[in-house]
């Protein structure tokens, strides 16, 4: 899920997500090594708040006696208009974006509190060691590979056009859409207004709670702007528990900033147009640093005697080391492209040996979609597996 900073909300500039999902703990946050450059992004795989943003008390409608609970993804009825922070948000929307107060009051009166979004957004327990092999097996598996072949065969022309225009290989685009939604099969059934409002004003009590609520308030603003620009009812938007939408699971801010009309029908529709999704994924990656023609990552071995390589771990989402620096630090590499820079990536395997890779800027471009080493590597591996299966 790509994450982007809201264009209009200055208070959100403190967040590190340009997006994902993601400052949102990505859908894959139990995954691997989240190197956070944002405050804990969506994957913020790592993920107490002041009384200011936290509702002082839940509205009476939420009491055990009065609340009406429906399906998990549909939430419970509350009157968000009674929440002081929602009132302040409405004031901001009226002043900054010229919304009608009555329209917003009517909208929030129909918006529901979704406790399942709260539960899903909580950081995964850290008791179990991260396991790259187990994570990879969830995504690089027969169902996704076969669906990927069918997707590629169906939309090969659009994939080839996206690669030519943006420089992002077809297999990477196929890998992202496969990991995100199994090629449109699992796009999420939460009302985006419900999920984002819940997370924006009642995020769980984590160390980065204030930053996360600010992020989700920004995405709530973008949802309202997106709906107004597209001429749709915001309550019709459905997506993930974190508010990500459509085949590629773009957050609303990312849709407004990076999505493209790739099928040429005069509108951007990531919910119903796989071709728009293809172009939008490629555009997102190209804007976030994808370099045409460069590889993604190389497997390496690290020295048990020269441990200087350990200082190269967790150094941010960028390729910064030369080949000579890698070798001097005790890293043995295959032949590498001349003049490129790399970062050291560790893929932990539970109690088994850790895999080490050196990553290029293209690997880190994928982590801008979801800030996790496991995610980026699974995208590359799934795309490669689909390409191999398709060429059999």
Protein backbone atom coordinates (compact mmCIF):
# COMPACT_ATOMS: atom_id res chain seq x y z
CA UNK A 1 0.00 0.00 0.00
CA UNK A 2 1.69 3.18 -1.07
CA UNK A 3 1.54 6.07 1.30
CA UNK A 4 1.78 9.71 0.51
CA UNK A 5 1.91 12.88 2.54
CA UNK A 6 -1.28 14.87 2.27
CA UNK A 7 -0.73 17.83 0.02
CA UNK A 8 -2.74 20.30 2.03
CA UNK A 9 -2.29 19.45 5.69
CA UNK A 10 0.89 21.04 7.00
CA UNK A 11 0.70 19.27 10.33
CA UNK A 12 1.27 16.04 8.49
CA UNK A 13 4.65 17.04 7.21
CA UNK A 14 6.13 15.50 10.32
CA UNK A 15 5.18 12.08 9.08
CA UNK A 16 7.60 10.04 7.19
CA UNK A 17 5.30 8.43 4.80
CA UNK A 18 4.87 9.61 1.36
CA UNK A 19 3.07 6.04 1.17
CA UNK A 20 1.21 2.34 1.51
CA UNK A 21 -0.46 2.04 3.39
CA UNK A 22 1.48 3.34 4.44
CA UNK A 23 2.39 4.70 7.54
CA UNK A 24 -0.17 2.10 8.07
CA UNK A 25 1.30 -1.09 9.28
CA UNK A 26 1.10 -2.55 5.96
CA UNK A 27 -0.99 -5.47 5.32
CA UNK A 28 2.23 -7.36 5.56
CA UNK A 29 3.69 -5.80 8.63
CA UNK A 30 4.54 -8.99 10.43
CA UNK A 31 6.92 -9.49 7.71
CA UNK A 32 10.39 -8.56 7.93
CA UNK A 33 12.68 -5.78 8.47
CA UNK A 34 10.91 -2.55 8.35
CA UNK A 35 13.46 0.13 7.96
CA UNK A 36 11.58 3.24 8.77
CA UNK A 37 12.23 6.47 7.28
CA UNK A 38 8.90 7.75 8.12
CA UNK A 39 7.83 7.87 11.61
CA UNK A 40 6.88 4.34 11.45
CA UNK A 41 5.19 3.90 8.50
CA UNK A 42 2.79 1.81 7.44
CA UNK A 43 4.73 -0.89 7.69
CA UNK A 44 5.97 0.84 9.98
CA UNK A 45 6.60 -2.49 11.07
CA UNK A 46 7.76 -0.98 14.17
CA UNK A 47 5.31 0.91 15.23
CA UNK A 48 1.13 7.97 24.56
CA UNK A 49 -0.95 10.02 23.04
CA UNK A 50 -2.08 13.31 24.49
CA UNK A 51 -5.61 13.94 25.60
CA UNK A 52 -5.85 16.42 22.85
CA UNK A 53 -6.57 14.06 20.04
CA UNK A 54 -7.95 11.16 21.95
CA UNK A 55 -11.69 11.31 22.49
CA UNK A 56 -12.26 11.99 26.15
CA UNK A 57 -15.01 9.43 26.22
CA UNK A 58 -16.86 7.30 23.78
CA UNK A 59 -20.30 8.61 22.87
CA UNK A 60 -23.25 7.06 24.69
CA UNK A 61 -24.14 5.10 21.56
CA UNK A 62 -21.07 3.01 22.18
CA UNK A 63 -22.21 1.78 25.56
CA UNK A 64 -22.82 -1.93 25.91
CA UNK A 65 -26.53 -1.29 26.29
CA UNK A 66 -27.04 0.97 23.31
CA UNK A 67 -24.52 0.13 20.63
CA UNK A 68 -25.62 -1.86 17.65
CA UNK A 69 -22.88 -4.06 16.28
CA UNK A 70 -22.90 -5.36 12.74
CA UNK A 71 -20.34 -7.25 10.70
CA UNK A 72 -16.70 -6.54 11.59
CA UNK A 73 -16.03 -4.58 8.43
CA UNK A 74 -19.22 -2.51 8.88
CA UNK A 75 -18.66 -1.30 12.40
CA UNK A 76 -20.94 0.03 15.06
CA UNK A 77 -23.08 3.12 15.02
CA UNK A 78 -21.72 6.11 16.92
CA UNK A 79 -22.24 9.82 16.55
CA UNK A 80 -18.83 11.05 15.46
CA UNK A 81 -20.24 14.57 15.45
CA UNK A 82 -20.15 14.41 19.27
CA UNK A 83 -16.37 13.90 19.23
CA UNK A 84 -14.52 17.17 19.80
CA UNK A 85 -11.62 16.23 17.56
CA UNK A 86 -13.99 15.36 14.73
CA UNK A 87 -15.59 18.77 15.21
CA UNK A 88 -12.19 20.43 14.92
CA UNK A 89 -11.46 18.40 11.80
CA UNK A 90 -14.76 19.55 10.26
CA UNK A 91 -13.85 23.16 11.10
CA UNK A 92 -10.56 22.69 9.24
CA UNK A 93 -12.25 21.15 6.21
CA UNK A 94 -14.71 24.04 6.01
CA UNK A 95 -11.99 26.67 6.32
CA UNK A 96 -9.26 25.05 4.25
CA UNK A 97 -11.23 23.22 1.57
CA UNK A 98 -14.56 25.04 1.50
CA UNK A 99 -16.71 22.04 2.42
CA UNK A 100 -20.21 22.71 3.66
CA UNK A 101 -20.47 22.07 7.38
CA UNK A 102 -23.92 20.54 7.11
CA UNK A 103 -22.76 18.10 4.45
CA UNK A 104 -19.88 16.95 6.66
CA UNK A 105 -22.13 16.65 9.70
CA UNK A 106 -24.48 14.46 7.67
CA UNK A 107 -21.57 12.36 6.41
CA UNK A 108 -20.03 11.75 9.85
CA UNK A 109 -23.47 10.92 11.24
CA UNK A 110 -23.47 7.98 8.80
CA UNK A 111 -19.86 6.98 9.46
CA UNK A 112 -19.28 3.98 11.72
CA UNK A 113 -16.69 3.03 14.29
CA UNK A 114 -14.76 -0.08 13.19
CA UNK A 115 -13.10 -1.84 16.11
CA UNK A 116 -11.67 -4.51 13.80
CA UNK A 117 -9.58 -1.82 12.10
CA UNK A 118 -8.14 -0.93 15.50
CA UNK A 119 -7.28 -4.56 16.21
CA UNK A 120 -5.72 -5.13 12.78
CA UNK A 121 -3.60 -2.00 12.90
CA UNK A 122 -1.93 -2.94 16.18
CA UNK A 123 1.71 -3.98 15.87
CA UNK A 124 2.23 -7.71 15.59
CA UNK A 125 3.58 -9.43 18.72
CA UNK A 126 7.36 -9.48 18.66
CA UNK A 127 7.70 -12.74 20.55
CA UNK A 128 8.26 -14.85 17.44
CA UNK A 129 11.39 -14.28 15.38
CA UNK A 130 10.85 -12.92 11.88
CA UNK A 131 10.90 -15.63 9.24
CA UNK A 132 11.52 -14.67 5.63
CA UNK A 133 10.93 -18.17 4.28
CA UNK A 134 7.50 -18.38 5.92
CA UNK A 135 6.58 -14.88 4.76
CA UNK A 136 7.68 -15.58 1.19
CA UNK A 137 5.63 -18.78 1.07
CA UNK A 138 2.46 -16.76 1.68
CA UNK A 139 2.96 -14.78 -1.50
CA UNK A 140 5.07 -16.84 -3.87
CA UNK A 141 2.66 -19.75 -4.15
CA UNK A 142 0.64 -21.50 -6.88
CA UNK A 143 -2.58 -19.49 -6.59
CA UNK A 144 -0.83 -16.16 -7.04
CA UNK A 145 1.53 -17.47 -9.67
CA UNK A 146 -1.27 -18.91 -11.78
CA UNK A 147 -3.40 -15.80 -11.33
CA UNK A 148 -0.36 -13.71 -12.26
CA UNK A 149 0.12 -15.61 -15.50
CA UNK A 150 -3.53 -15.03 -16.40
CA UNK A 151 -3.26 -11.34 -15.48
CA UNK A 152 -0.11 -10.90 -17.56
CA UNK A 153 -1.63 -12.68 -20.54
CA UNK A 154 -4.75 -10.54 -20.32
CA UNK A 155 -3.07 -7.18 -19.79
CA UNK A 156 0.26 -7.74 -21.52
CA UNK A 157 -0.16 -4.78 -23.85
CA UNK A 158 -0.76 -2.37 -20.95
CA UNK A 159 2.11 -3.88 -18.97
CA UNK A 160 4.49 -3.47 -21.92
CA UNK A 161 3.34 0.13 -22.40
CA UNK A 162 3.90 0.90 -18.72
CA UNK A 163 7.39 -0.57 -18.86
CA UNK A 164 8.23 1.44 -21.95
CA UNK A 165 6.84 4.68 -20.50
CA UNK A 166 8.06 4.46 -16.91
CA UNK A 167 10.97 2.01 -17.08
CA UNK A 168 9.49 -0.38 -14.50
CA UNK A 169 9.69 -4.04 -15.65
CA UNK A 170 6.42 -5.83 -16.24
CA UNK A 171 7.28 -8.50 -13.68
CA UNK A 172 7.66 -5.91 -10.90
CA UNK A 173 4.25 -4.40 -11.67
CA UNK A 174 2.78 -7.92 -11.76
CA UNK A 175 4.50 -8.74 -8.47
CA UNK A 176 3.10 -5.71 -6.63
CA UNK A 177 -0.50 -6.18 -7.77
CA UNK A 178 -0.25 -9.89 -6.96
CA UNK A 179 1.10 -9.35 -3.46
CA UNK A 180 -1.36 -6.54 -2.74
CA UNK A 181 -4.67 -8.01 -3.91
CA UNK A 182 -4.09 -11.30 -5.82
CA UNK A 183 -4.87 -9.40 -9.02
CA UNK A 184 -7.99 -7.67 -7.80
CA UNK A 185 -9.48 -10.58 -5.86
CA UNK A 186 -8.92 -9.15 -2.37
CA UNK A 187 -9.29 -5.38 -2.47
CA UNK A 188 -10.92 -5.06 0.96
CA UNK A 189 -14.48 -4.59 2.13
CA UNK A 190 -14.15 -1.88 4.76
CA UNK A 191 -15.83 1.41 4.04
CA UNK A 192 -12.87 3.74 3.72
CA UNK A 193 -14.65 6.53 5.61
CA UNK A 194 -15.30 4.17 8.54
CA UNK A 195 -11.75 2.82 8.73
CA UNK A 196 -9.98 6.15 8.33
CA UNK A 197 -12.24 8.03 10.74
CA UNK A 198 -11.78 5.34 13.37
CA UNK A 199 -8.00 5.35 13.00
CA UNK A 200 -7.76 9.13 12.69
CA UNK A 201 -9.48 9.77 16.01
CA UNK A 202 -9.07 6.62 18.12
CA UNK A 203 -5.78 5.03 17.08
CA UNK A 204 -4.53 2.47 19.60
CA UNK A 205 -2.16 3.57 22.34
CA UNK A 206 1.24 3.03 20.71
CA UNK A 207 4.40 5.15 21.03
CA UNK A 208 3.76 6.81 17.67
CA UNK A 209 0.03 7.29 18.21
CA UNK A 210 -0.05 11.04 17.56
CA UNK A 211 1.89 10.76 14.30
CA UNK A 212 -0.29 7.92 13.12
CA UNK A 213 -3.50 9.75 13.86
CA UNK A 214 -2.15 12.78 12.03
CA UNK A 215 -1.40 10.57 9.05
CA UNK A 216 -4.88 9.07 9.01
CA UNK A 217 -6.48 12.49 9.42
CA UNK A 218 -4.56 13.52 6.32
CA UNK A 219 -5.83 10.48 4.46
CA UNK A 220 -9.36 11.24 5.65
CA UNK A 221 -8.99 14.73 4.21
CA UNK A 222 -7.72 13.25 0.96
CA UNK A 223 -10.68 10.87 0.87
CA UNK A 224 -13.11 13.77 1.06
CA UNK A 225 -11.21 15.69 -1.60
CA UNK A 226 -10.91 12.63 -3.84
CA UNK A 227 -14.63 11.93 -3.60
CA UNK A 228 -15.49 15.56 -4.37
CA UNK A 229 -13.11 15.66 -7.34
CA UNK A 230 -14.48 12.39 -8.74
CA UNK A 231 -18.09 13.29 -8.02
CA UNK A 232 -18.76 10.20 -5.90
CA UNK A 233 -20.21 9.52 -2.48
CA UNK A 234 -17.26 8.93 -0.10
CA UNK A 235 -19.28 6.24 1.66
CA UNK A 236 -19.15 4.12 -1.53
CA UNK A 237 -15.36 3.78 -1.31
CA UNK A 238 -14.27 0.40 0.05
CA UNK A 239 -10.81 -0.85 0.80
CA UNK A 240 -8.50 -2.32 3.41
CA UNK A 241 -8.74 -1.83 7.18
CA UNK A 242 -6.18 0.99 6.77
CA UNK A 243 -8.08 2.71 3.95
CA UNK A 244 -6.11 1.45 0.93
CA UNK A 245 -8.16 1.27 -2.25
CA UNK A 246 -8.39 -0.81 -5.39
CA UNK A 247 -6.24 -3.28 -7.29
CA UNK A 248 -2.94 -1.69 -6.21
CA UNK A 249 -4.12 -0.66 -2.71
CA UNK A 250 -3.28 3.03 -2.97
CA UNK A 251 -4.10 5.27 -0.04
CA UNK A 252 -6.40 8.17 -1.00
CA UNK A 253 -3.52 10.66 -0.90
CA UNK A 254 -1.49 8.47 -3.22
CA UNK A 255 -4.41 8.21 -5.62
CA UNK A 256 -4.62 11.98 -5.82
CA UNK A 257 -0.86 12.36 -6.18
CA UNK A 258 0.32 9.41 -8.25
CA UNK A 259 -2.55 7.54 -9.92
CA UNK A 260 -2.92 7.95 -13.69
CA UNK A 261 -5.62 7.43 -16.30
CA UNK A 262 -3.77 4.72 -18.17
CA UNK A 263 -6.71 3.32 -20.10
CA UNK A 264 -7.53 6.71 -21.59
CA UNK A 265 -11.19 6.82 -20.62
CA UNK A 266 -10.92 10.26 -19.06
CA UNK A 267 -11.02 9.16 -15.42
CA UNK A 268 -8.82 7.42 -12.88
CA UNK A 269 -10.42 4.29 -11.43
CA UNK A 270 -8.19 1.98 -9.43
CA UNK A 271 -11.20 0.00 -8.23
CA UNK A 272 -12.45 -1.15 -11.62
CA UNK A 273 -9.65 -0.57 -14.14
CA UNK A 274 -6.70 -2.97 -13.98
CA UNK A 275 -5.08 -0.89 -16.72
CA UNK A 276 -5.22 2.26 -14.59
CA UNK A 277 -3.74 0.17 -11.75
CA UNK A 278 -0.87 -0.98 -13.96
CA UNK A 279 0.03 2.54 -15.05
CA UNK A 280 -0.36 3.94 -11.56
CA UNK A 281 1.96 1.37 -9.97
CA UNK A 282 4.61 2.05 -12.60
CA UNK A 283 4.23 5.81 -12.20
CA UNK A 284 4.45 5.54 -8.41
CA UNK A 285 7.70 3.56 -8.58
CA UNK A 286 9.24 5.85 -11.18
CA UNK A 287 8.51 8.90 -9.03
CA UNK A 288 10.00 7.13 -6.01
CA UNK A 289 13.37 6.40 -7.52
CA UNK A 290 13.06 3.47 -9.94
CA UNK A 291 15.99 3.45 -12.36
CA UNK A 292 15.34 2.02 -15.79
CA UNK A 293 17.43 -1.05 -16.58
CA UNK A 294 18.96 -1.49 -13.13
CA UNK A 295 18.67 -4.77 -11.16
CA UNK A 296 16.95 -5.12 -7.78
CA UNK A 297 19.19 -7.15 -5.48
CA UNK A 298 22.03 -9.67 -5.35
CA UNK A 299 22.63 -12.48 -2.82
CA UNK A 300 25.88 -12.14 -0.87
CA UNK A 301 27.79 -13.81 1.94
CA UNK A 302 29.20 -12.02 4.96
CA UNK A 303 32.45 -12.71 6.77
CA UNK A 304 32.47 -14.37 10.19
CA UNK A 305 35.81 -12.73 10.95
CA UNK A 306 35.58 -9.24 9.48
CA UNK A 307 32.39 -7.90 11.08
CA UNK A 308 32.51 -4.38 9.69
CA UNK A 309 29.51 -5.26 7.52
CA UNK A 310 27.28 -5.17 10.61
CA UNK A 311 27.52 -1.38 10.67
CA UNK A 312 25.92 -1.33 7.21
CA UNK A 313 22.65 -2.81 8.45
CA UNK A 314 19.63 -0.62 9.18
CA UNK A 315 21.09 2.43 7.50
CA UNK A 316 17.89 3.71 5.92
CA UNK A 317 16.07 2.99 2.70
CA UNK A 318 18.77 3.95 0.26
CA UNK A 319 21.72 2.45 -1.57
CA UNK A 320 24.83 4.20 -0.28
CA UNK A 321 27.81 1.83 -0.41
CA UNK A 322 30.23 1.20 -3.27
CA UNK A 323 31.43 -2.24 -4.30
CA UNK A 324 34.84 -1.51 -2.77
CA UNK A 325 33.25 -0.52 0.54
CA UNK A 326 31.23 -3.74 0.60
CA UNK A 327 34.29 -5.87 0.01
CA UNK A 328 36.33 -3.98 2.60
CA UNK A 329 33.60 -4.61 5.16
CA UNK A 330 33.72 -8.39 4.69
CA UNK A 331 30.95 -8.89 2.10
CA UNK A 332 31.55 -11.28 -0.79
CA UNK A 333 29.51 -10.35 -3.86
CA UNK A 334 28.89 -11.70 -7.35
CA UNK A 335 30.08 -9.50 -10.23
CA UNK A 336 28.27 -6.18 -9.88
CA UNK A 337 27.32 -3.42 -12.32
CA UNK A 338 30.03 -0.79 -12.34
CA UNK A 339 29.44 2.50 -10.60
CA UNK A 340 26.30 1.53 -8.67
CA UNK A 341 25.62 1.92 -4.97
CA UNK A 342 24.08 -0.69 -2.73
CA UNK A 343 22.57 -1.24 0.70
CA UNK A 344 22.92 -4.34 2.87
CA UNK A 345 19.68 -6.23 3.53
CA UNK A 346 19.25 -9.01 6.09
CA UNK A 347 16.33 -11.41 5.70
CA UNK A 348 15.96 -13.24 8.99
CA UNK A 349 14.78 -16.84 8.90
CA UNK A 350 13.58 -17.55 12.40
CA UNK A 351 16.03 -19.86 14.07
CA UNK A 352 17.66 -20.64 10.73
CA UNK A 353 20.50 -18.76 9.05
CA UNK A 354 19.81 -15.19 7.92
CA UNK A 355 19.97 -14.45 4.20
CA UNK A 356 22.03 -11.42 3.18
CA UNK A 357 21.48 -9.42 0.01
CA UNK A 358 22.76 -6.17 -1.37
CA UNK A 359 19.98 -3.97 -2.66
CA UNK A 360 19.96 -1.32 -5.35
CA UNK A 361 17.90 1.86 -5.45
CA UNK A 362 15.23 -0.12 -7.30
CA UNK A 363 14.79 -2.39 -4.29
CA UNK A 364 14.38 0.68 -2.13
CA UNK A 365 11.89 2.16 -4.59
CA UNK A 366 9.68 -0.87 -3.86
CA UNK A 367 10.04 -0.22 -0.13
CA UNK A 368 8.46 3.18 -0.70
CA UNK A 369 5.32 1.21 -1.49
CA UNK A 370 5.63 -0.78 1.73
CA UNK A 371 8.59 -0.15 3.96
CA UNK A 372 9.62 -3.69 4.57
CA UNK A 373 12.51 -5.76 3.25
CA UNK A 374 10.32 -8.85 3.19
CA UNK A 375 7.67 -7.05 1.14
CA UNK A 376 10.11 -5.75 -1.46
CA UNK A 377 11.79 -9.11 -1.89
CA UNK A 378 8.49 -10.97 -2.15
CA UNK A 379 7.35 -8.59 -4.90
CA UNK A 380 10.51 -9.29 -6.87
CA UNK A 381 10.28 -13.05 -6.27
CA UNK A 382 6.59 -13.31 -7.17
CA UNK A 383 7.09 -11.31 -10.36
CA UNK A 384 10.01 -13.53 -11.33
CA UNK A 385 8.04 -16.68 -10.58
CA UNK A 386 5.13 -15.50 -12.72
CA UNK A 387 7.50 -14.67 -15.58
CA UNK A 388 9.07 -18.14 -15.39
CA UNK A 389 5.69 -19.88 -15.26
CA UNK A 390 4.42 -17.84 -18.17
CA UNK A 391 7.38 -18.75 -20.35
CA UNK A 392 7.18 -22.48 -19.74
